[in-house]
Amino acid sequence: MLGGPNLLDLSEKFRTIAEKLKQALKEFDYVLLEAEKMNQPLSFQTKIPTIYREPREYLVMDAIFYWED
């Protein structure tokens, strides 16, 4: 479910919108992380209250897009 390889892929329908959004974010010096970086293991120990992963399996994405289940 979460963390799958297609999580950050967009359908053709939304690619134009995605490109416009990327450009707008770039104008304000935001950097978009690639899926490869988002799916890397978290480099430090923490506790994220989630049912989707075990504590030693947290990914960068879990720390950035945290919400309590």
PDB file of N, CA and C in Angstrom:
ATOM      1  N   MET A   1       0.832  -1.183   0.000  1.00  0.00           N
ATOM      2  CA  MET A   1       0.000   0.000   0.000  1.00  0.00           C
ATOM      3  C   MET A   1       0.878   1.250   0.000  1.00  0.00           C
ATOM      4  N   LEU A   2       1.429   1.637   1.129  1.00  0.00           N
ATOM      5  CA  LEU A   2       2.330   2.780   1.166  1.00  0.00           C
ATOM      6  C   LEU A   2       3.732   2.319   0.836  1.00  0.00           C
ATOM      7  N   GLY A   3       4.473   3.174   0.147  1.00  0.00           N
ATOM      8  CA  GLY A   3       5.852   2.848  -0.144  1.00  0.00           C
ATOM      9  C   GLY A   3       6.026   1.984  -1.367  1.00  0.00           C
ATOM     10  N   GLY A   4       4.956   1.738  -2.101  1.00  0.00           N
ATOM     11  CA  GLY A   4       5.070   0.935  -3.311  1.00  0.00           C
ATOM     12  C   GLY A   4       5.828   1.693  -4.391  1.00  0.00           C
ATOM     13  N   PRO A   5       6.330   0.984  -5.405  1.00  0.00           N
ATOM     14  CA  PRO A   5       7.144   1.632  -6.438  1.00  0.00           C
ATOM     15  C   PRO A   5       6.399   2.663  -7.273  1.00  0.00           C
ATOM     16  N   ASN A   6       5.086   2.587  -7.333  1.00  0.00           N
ATOM     17  CA  ASN A   6       4.318   3.540  -8.147  1.00  0.00           C
ATOM     18  C   ASN A   6       3.696   4.652  -7.327  1.00  0.00           C
ATOM     19  N   LEU A   7       4.079   4.767  -6.073  1.00  0.00           N
ATOM     20  CA  LEU A   7       3.461   5.733  -5.184  1.00  0.00           C
ATOM     21  C   LEU A   7       3.540   7.159  -5.712  1.00  0.00           C
ATOM     22  N   LEU A   8       4.673   7.530  -6.276  1.00  0.00           N
ATOM     23  CA  LEU A   8       4.860   8.906  -6.720  1.00  0.00           C
ATOM     24  C   LEU A   8       4.685   9.076  -8.228  1.00  0.00           C
ATOM     25  N   ASP A   9       4.265   8.044  -8.913  1.00  0.00           N
ATOM     26  CA  ASP A   9       4.027   8.140 -10.353  1.00  0.00           C
ATOM     27  C   ASP A   9       2.684   8.813 -10.613  1.00  0.00           C
ATOM     28  N   LEU A  10       2.637   9.603 -11.679  1.00  0.00           N
ATOM     29  CA  LEU A  10       1.402  10.269 -12.065  1.00  0.00           C
ATOM     30  C   LEU A  10       0.924   9.742 -13.404  1.00  0.00           C
ATOM     31  N   SER A  11      -0.371   9.695 -13.568  1.00  0.00           N
ATOM     32  CA  SER A  11      -0.915   9.310 -14.863  1.00  0.00           C
ATOM     33  C   SER A  11      -0.645  10.433 -15.856  1.00  0.00           C
ATOM     34  N   GLU A  12      -0.737  10.113 -17.108  1.00  0.00           N
ATOM     35  CA  GLU A  12      -0.509  11.101 -18.177  1.00  0.00           C
ATOM     36  C   GLU A  12      -1.418  12.317 -17.998  1.00  0.00           C
ATOM     37  N   LYS A  13      -2.627  12.080 -17.529  1.00  0.00           N
ATOM     38  CA  LYS A  13      -3.625  13.137 -17.333  1.00  0.00           C
ATOM     39  C   LYS A  13      -3.115  14.261 -16.413  1.00  0.00           C
ATOM     40  N   PHE A  14      -2.333  13.883 -15.409  1.00  0.00           N
ATOM     41  CA  PHE A  14      -1.894  14.867 -14.419  1.00  0.00           C
ATOM     42  C   PHE A  14      -0.465  15.353 -14.619  1.00  0.00           C
ATOM     43  N   ARG A  15       0.219  14.899 -15.628  1.00  0.00           N
ATOM     44  CA  ARG A  15       1.627  15.298 -15.808  1.00  0.00           C
ATOM     45  C   ARG A  15       1.782  16.782 -16.113  1.00  0.00           C
ATOM     46  N   THR A  16       0.881  17.359 -16.880  1.00  0.00           N
ATOM     47  CA  THR A  16       0.958  18.795 -17.181  1.00  0.00           C
ATOM     48  C   THR A  16       0.804  19.611 -15.904  1.00  0.00           C
ATOM     49  N   ILE A  17      -0.162  19.238 -15.087  1.00  0.00           N
ATOM     50  CA  ILE A  17      -0.361  19.931 -13.809  1.00  0.00           C
ATOM     51  C   ILE A  17       0.868  19.758 -12.928  1.00  0.00           C
ATOM     52  N   ALA A  18       1.419  18.560 -12.907  1.00  0.00           N
ATOM     53  CA  ALA A  18       2.603  18.293 -12.092  1.00  0.00           C
ATOM     54  C   ALA A  18       3.779  19.152 -12.540  1.00  0.00           C
ATOM     55  N   GLU A  19       3.967  19.294 -13.830  1.00  0.00           N
ATOM     56  CA  GLU A  19       5.075  20.114 -14.334  1.00  0.00           C
ATOM     57  C   GLU A  19       4.891  21.579 -13.947  1.00  0.00           C
ATOM     58  N   LYS A  20       3.674  22.083 -14.019  1.00  0.00           N
ATOM     59  CA  LYS A  20       3.403  23.471 -13.609  1.00  0.00           C
ATOM     60  C   LYS A  20       3.651  23.652 -12.116  1.00  0.00           C
ATOM     61  N   LEU A  21       3.252  22.673 -11.331  1.00  0.00           N
ATOM     62  CA  LEU A  21       3.482  22.733  -9.890  1.00  0.00           C
ATOM     63  C   LEU A  21       4.973  22.702  -9.573  1.00  0.00           C
ATOM     64  N   LYS A  22       5.723  21.837 -10.246  1.00  0.00           N
ATOM     65  CA  LYS A  22       7.172  21.778 -10.052  1.00  0.00           C
ATOM     66  C   LYS A  22       7.818  23.122 -10.359  1.00  0.00           C
ATOM     67  N   GLN A  23       7.394  23.748 -11.449  1.00  0.00           N
ATOM     68  CA  GLN A  23       7.959  25.044 -11.833  1.00  0.00           C
ATOM     69  C   GLN A  23       7.648  26.103 -10.776  1.00  0.00           C
ATOM     70  N   ALA A  24       6.401  26.111 -10.277  1.00  0.00           N
ATOM     71  CA  ALA A  24       6.020  27.077  -9.244  1.00  0.00           C
ATOM     72  C   ALA A  24       6.837  26.875  -7.975  1.00  0.00           C
ATOM     73  N   LEU A  25       7.034  25.635  -7.567  1.00  0.00           N
ATOM     74  CA  LEU A  25       7.830  25.359  -6.375  1.00  0.00           C
ATOM     75  C   LEU A  25       9.292  25.750  -6.577  1.00  0.00           C
ATOM     76  N   LYS A  26       9.796  25.503  -7.768  1.00  0.00           N
ATOM     77  CA  LYS A  26      11.187  25.853  -8.081  1.00  0.00           C
ATOM     78  C   LYS A  26      11.416  27.361  -7.963  1.00  0.00           C
ATOM     79  N   GLU A  27      10.427  28.152  -8.351  1.00  0.00           N
ATOM     80  CA  GLU A  27      10.539  29.611  -8.255  1.00  0.00           C
ATOM     81  C   GLU A  27      10.732  30.077  -6.814  1.00  0.00           C
ATOM     82  N   PHE A  28      10.254  29.282  -5.856  1.00  0.00           N
ATOM     83  CA  PHE A  28      10.398  29.624  -4.443  1.00  0.00           C
ATOM     84  C   PHE A  28      11.483  28.781  -3.764  1.00  0.00           C
ATOM     85  N   ASP A  29      12.385  28.219  -4.577  1.00  0.00           N
ATOM     86  CA  ASP A  29      13.552  27.474  -4.103  1.00  0.00           C
ATOM     87  C   ASP A  29      13.212  26.194  -3.339  1.00  0.00           C
ATOM     88  N   TYR A  30      12.082  25.579  -3.653  1.00  0.00           N
ATOM     89  CA  TYR A  30      11.781  24.255  -3.103  1.00  0.00           C
ATOM     90  C   TYR A  30      12.479  23.214  -3.961  1.00  0.00           C
ATOM     91  N   VAL A  31      12.971  22.167  -3.313  1.00  0.00           N
ATOM     92  CA  VAL A  31      13.628  21.076  -4.016  1.00  0.00           C
ATOM     93  C   VAL A  31      12.749  19.842  -3.881  1.00  0.00           C
ATOM     94  N   LEU A  32      12.416  19.231  -5.000  1.00  0.00           N
ATOM     95  CA  LEU A  32      11.608  18.019  -4.976  1.00  0.00           C
ATOM     96  C   LEU A  32      12.513  16.799  -4.860  1.00  0.00           C
ATOM     97  N   LEU A  33      12.192  15.916  -3.927  1.00  0.00           N
ATOM     98  CA  LEU A  33      12.959  14.693  -3.769  1.00  0.00           C
ATOM     99  C   LEU A  33      12.461  13.646  -4.755  1.00  0.00           C
ATOM    100  N   GLU A  34      13.392  12.932  -5.334  1.00  0.00           N
ATOM    101  CA  GLU A  34      13.043  11.852  -6.253  1.00  0.00           C
ATOM    102  C   GLU A  34      12.535  10.655  -5.447  1.00  0.00           C
ATOM    103  N   ALA A  35      11.744   9.826  -6.095  1.00  0.00           N
ATOM    104  CA  ALA A  35      11.178   8.647  -5.433  1.00  0.00           C
ATOM    105  C   ALA A  35      12.275   7.779  -4.824  1.00  0.00           C
ATOM    106  N   GLU A  36      13.401   7.675  -5.501  1.00  0.00           N
ATOM    107  CA  GLU A  36      14.510   6.862  -4.997  1.00  0.00           C
ATOM    108  C   GLU A  36      14.979   7.355  -3.627  1.00  0.00           C
ATOM    109  N   LYS A  37      15.059   8.671  -3.449  1.00  0.00           N
ATOM    110  CA  LYS A  37      15.486   9.236  -2.167  1.00  0.00           C
ATOM    111  C   LYS A  37      14.401   9.111  -1.109  1.00  0.00           C
ATOM    112  N   MET A  38      13.147   9.268  -1.506  1.00  0.00           N
ATOM    113  CA  MET A  38      12.030   9.171  -0.567  1.00  0.00           C
ATOM    114  C   MET A  38      11.892   7.759   0.002  1.00  0.00           C
ATOM    115  N   ASN A  39      12.297   6.767  -0.773  1.00  0.00           N
ATOM    116  CA  ASN A  39      12.151   5.375  -0.360  1.00  0.00           C
ATOM    117  C   ASN A  39      13.399   4.798   0.295  1.00  0.00           C
ATOM    118  N   GLN A  40      14.366   5.655   0.641  1.00  0.00           N
ATOM    119  CA  GLN A  40      15.564   5.193   1.353  1.00  0.00           C
ATOM    120  C   GLN A  40      15.235   5.026   2.835  1.00  0.00           C
ATOM    121  N   PRO A  41      15.935   4.106   3.496  1.00  0.00           N
ATOM    122  CA  PRO A  41      15.720   3.947   4.937  1.00  0.00           C
ATOM    123  C   PRO A  41      16.067   5.234   5.684  1.00  0.00           C
ATOM    124  N   LEU A  42      15.333   5.514   6.719  1.00  0.00           N
ATOM    125  CA  LEU A  42      15.597   6.679   7.555  1.00  0.00           C
ATOM    126  C   LEU A  42      16.951   6.489   8.230  1.00  0.00           C
ATOM    127  N   SER A  43      17.777   7.522   8.253  1.00  0.00           N
ATOM    128  CA  SER A  43      19.159   7.398   8.729  1.00  0.00           C
ATOM    129  C   SER A  43      19.312   7.565  10.242  1.00  0.00           C
ATOM    130  N   PHE A  44      18.223   7.734  10.945  1.00  0.00           N
ATOM    131  CA  PHE A  44      18.299   7.874  12.403  1.00  0.00           C
ATOM    132  C   PHE A  44      17.127   7.122  13.028  1.00  0.00           C
ATOM    133  N   GLN A  45      17.268   6.825  14.317  1.00  0.00           N
ATOM    134  CA  GLN A  45      16.227   6.119  15.050  1.00  0.00           C
ATOM    135  C   GLN A  45      15.194   7.117  15.560  1.00  0.00           C
ATOM    136  N   THR A  46      13.934   6.758  15.419  1.00  0.00           N
ATOM    137  CA  THR A  46      12.845   7.584  15.919  1.00  0.00           C
ATOM    138  C   THR A  46      11.629   6.701  16.120  1.00  0.00           C
ATOM    139  N   LYS A  47      10.565   7.273  16.601  1.00  0.00           N
ATOM    140  CA  LYS A  47       9.313   6.535  16.740  1.00  0.00           C
ATOM    141  C   LYS A  47       8.232   7.310  16.002  1.00  0.00           C
ATOM    142  N   ILE A  48       7.646   6.671  15.011  1.00  0.00           N
ATOM    143  CA  ILE A  48       6.554   7.271  14.242  1.00  0.00           C
ATOM    144  C   ILE A  48       5.330   6.384  14.471  1.00  0.00           C
ATOM    145  N   PRO A  49       4.303   6.904  15.119  1.00  0.00           N
ATOM    146  CA  PRO A  49       3.132   6.070  15.402  1.00  0.00           C
ATOM    147  C   PRO A  49       2.373   5.731  14.110  1.00  0.00           C
ATOM    148  N   THR A  50       2.691   4.619  13.530  1.00  0.00           N
ATOM    149  CA  THR A  50       2.049   4.194  12.293  1.00  0.00           C
ATOM    150  C   THR A  50       1.889   2.683  12.282  1.00  0.00           C
ATOM    151  N   ILE A  51       0.886   2.207  11.608  1.00  0.00           N
ATOM    152  CA  ILE A  51       0.688   0.763  11.479  1.00  0.00           C
ATOM    153  C   ILE A  51       1.269   0.247  10.171  1.00  0.00           C
ATOM    154  N   TYR A  52       1.786   1.133   9.339  1.00  0.00           N
ATOM    155  CA  TYR A  52       2.250   0.746   8.011  1.00  0.00           C
ATOM    156  C   TYR A  52       3.651   0.164   7.981  1.00  0.00           C
ATOM    157  N   ARG A  53       4.494   0.505   8.961  1.00  0.00           N
ATOM    158  CA  ARG A  53       5.863  -0.023   8.995  1.00  0.00           C
ATOM    159  C   ARG A  53       6.313  -0.253  10.423  1.00  0.00           C
ATOM    160  N   GLU A  54       7.240  -1.172  10.554  1.00  0.00           N
ATOM    161  CA  GLU A  54       7.867  -1.429  11.845  1.00  0.00           C
ATOM    162  C   GLU A  54       8.934  -0.353  12.090  1.00  0.00           C
ATOM    163  N   PRO A  55       9.275  -0.063  13.366  1.00  0.00           N
ATOM    164  CA  PRO A  55      10.225   1.005  13.677  1.00  0.00           C
ATOM    165  C   PRO A  55      11.551   0.928  12.926  1.00  0.00           C
ATOM    166  N   ARG A  56      12.117  -0.225  12.727  1.00  0.00           N
ATOM    167  CA  ARG A  56      13.412  -0.317  12.037  1.00  0.00           C
ATOM    168  C   ARG A  56      13.259  -0.288  10.514  1.00  0.00           C
ATOM    169  N   GLU A  57      12.040  -0.128  10.021  1.00  0.00           N
ATOM    170  CA  GLU A  57      11.781  -0.118   8.581  1.00  0.00           C
ATOM    171  C   GLU A  57      11.343   1.255   8.063  1.00  0.00           C
ATOM    172  N   TYR A  58      11.402   2.298   8.888  1.00  0.00           N
ATOM    173  CA  TYR A  58      10.953   3.629   8.464  1.00  0.00           C
ATOM    174  C   TYR A  58      11.746   4.113   7.256  1.00  0.00           C
ATOM    175  N   LEU A  59      11.052   4.811   6.373  1.00  0.00           N
ATOM    176  CA  LEU A  59      11.665   5.417   5.204  1.00  0.00           C
ATOM    177  C   LEU A  59      11.668   6.932   5.364  1.00  0.00           C
ATOM    178  N   VAL A  60      12.457   7.612   4.553  1.00  0.00           N
ATOM    179  CA  VAL A  60      12.490   9.080   4.561  1.00  0.00           C
ATOM    180  C   VAL A  60      11.072   9.615   4.397  1.00  0.00           C
ATOM    181  N   MET A  61      10.302   9.006   3.501  1.00  0.00           N
ATOM    182  CA  MET A  61       8.927   9.436   3.245  1.00  0.00           C
ATOM    183  C   MET A  61       8.085   9.423   4.520  1.00  0.00           C
ATOM    184  N   ASP A  62       8.299   8.433   5.385  1.00  0.00           N
ATOM    185  CA  ASP A  62       7.527   8.334   6.626  1.00  0.00           C
ATOM    186  C   ASP A  62       7.782   9.535   7.536  1.00  0.00           C
ATOM    187  N   ALA A  63       9.010  10.033   7.577  1.00  0.00           N
ATOM    188  CA  ALA A  63       9.353  11.167   8.427  1.00  0.00           C
ATOM    189  C   ALA A  63       8.818  12.480   7.847  1.00  0.00           C
ATOM    190  N   ILE A  64       8.828  12.615   6.520  1.00  0.00           N
ATOM    191  CA  ILE A  64       8.376  13.865   5.906  1.00  0.00           C
ATOM    192  C   ILE A  64       6.861  13.953   5.860  1.00  0.00           C
ATOM    193  N   PHE A  65       6.222  12.870   5.478  1.00  0.00           N
ATOM    194  CA  PHE A  65       4.762  12.869   5.330  1.00  0.00           C
ATOM    195  C   PHE A  65       4.104  12.112   6.459  1.00  0.00           C
ATOM    196  N   TYR A  66       4.491  12.447   7.666  1.00  0.00           N
ATOM    197  CA  TYR A  66       3.945  11.762   8.836  1.00  0.00           C
ATOM    198  C   TYR A  66       2.515  12.213   9.106  1.00  0.00           C
ATOM    199  N   TRP A  67       1.683  11.260   9.373  1.00  0.00           N
ATOM    200  CA  TRP A  67       0.362  11.499   9.952  1.00  0.00           C
ATOM    201  C   TRP A  67       0.044  10.311  10.837  1.00  0.00           C
ATOM    202  N   GLU A  68      -0.708  10.547  11.878  1.00  0.00           N
ATOM    203  CA  GLU A  68      -1.038   9.435  12.778  1.00  0.00           C
ATOM    204  C   GLU A  68      -2.179   8.642  12.164  1.00  0.00           C
ATOM    205  N   ASP A  69      -2.000   7.330  12.097  1.00  0.00           N
ATOM    206  CA  ASP A  69      -2.999   6.442  11.480  1.00  0.00           C
ATOM    207  C   ASP A  69      -4.325   6.521  12.218  1.00  0.00           C
TER     208      ASP A  69
END
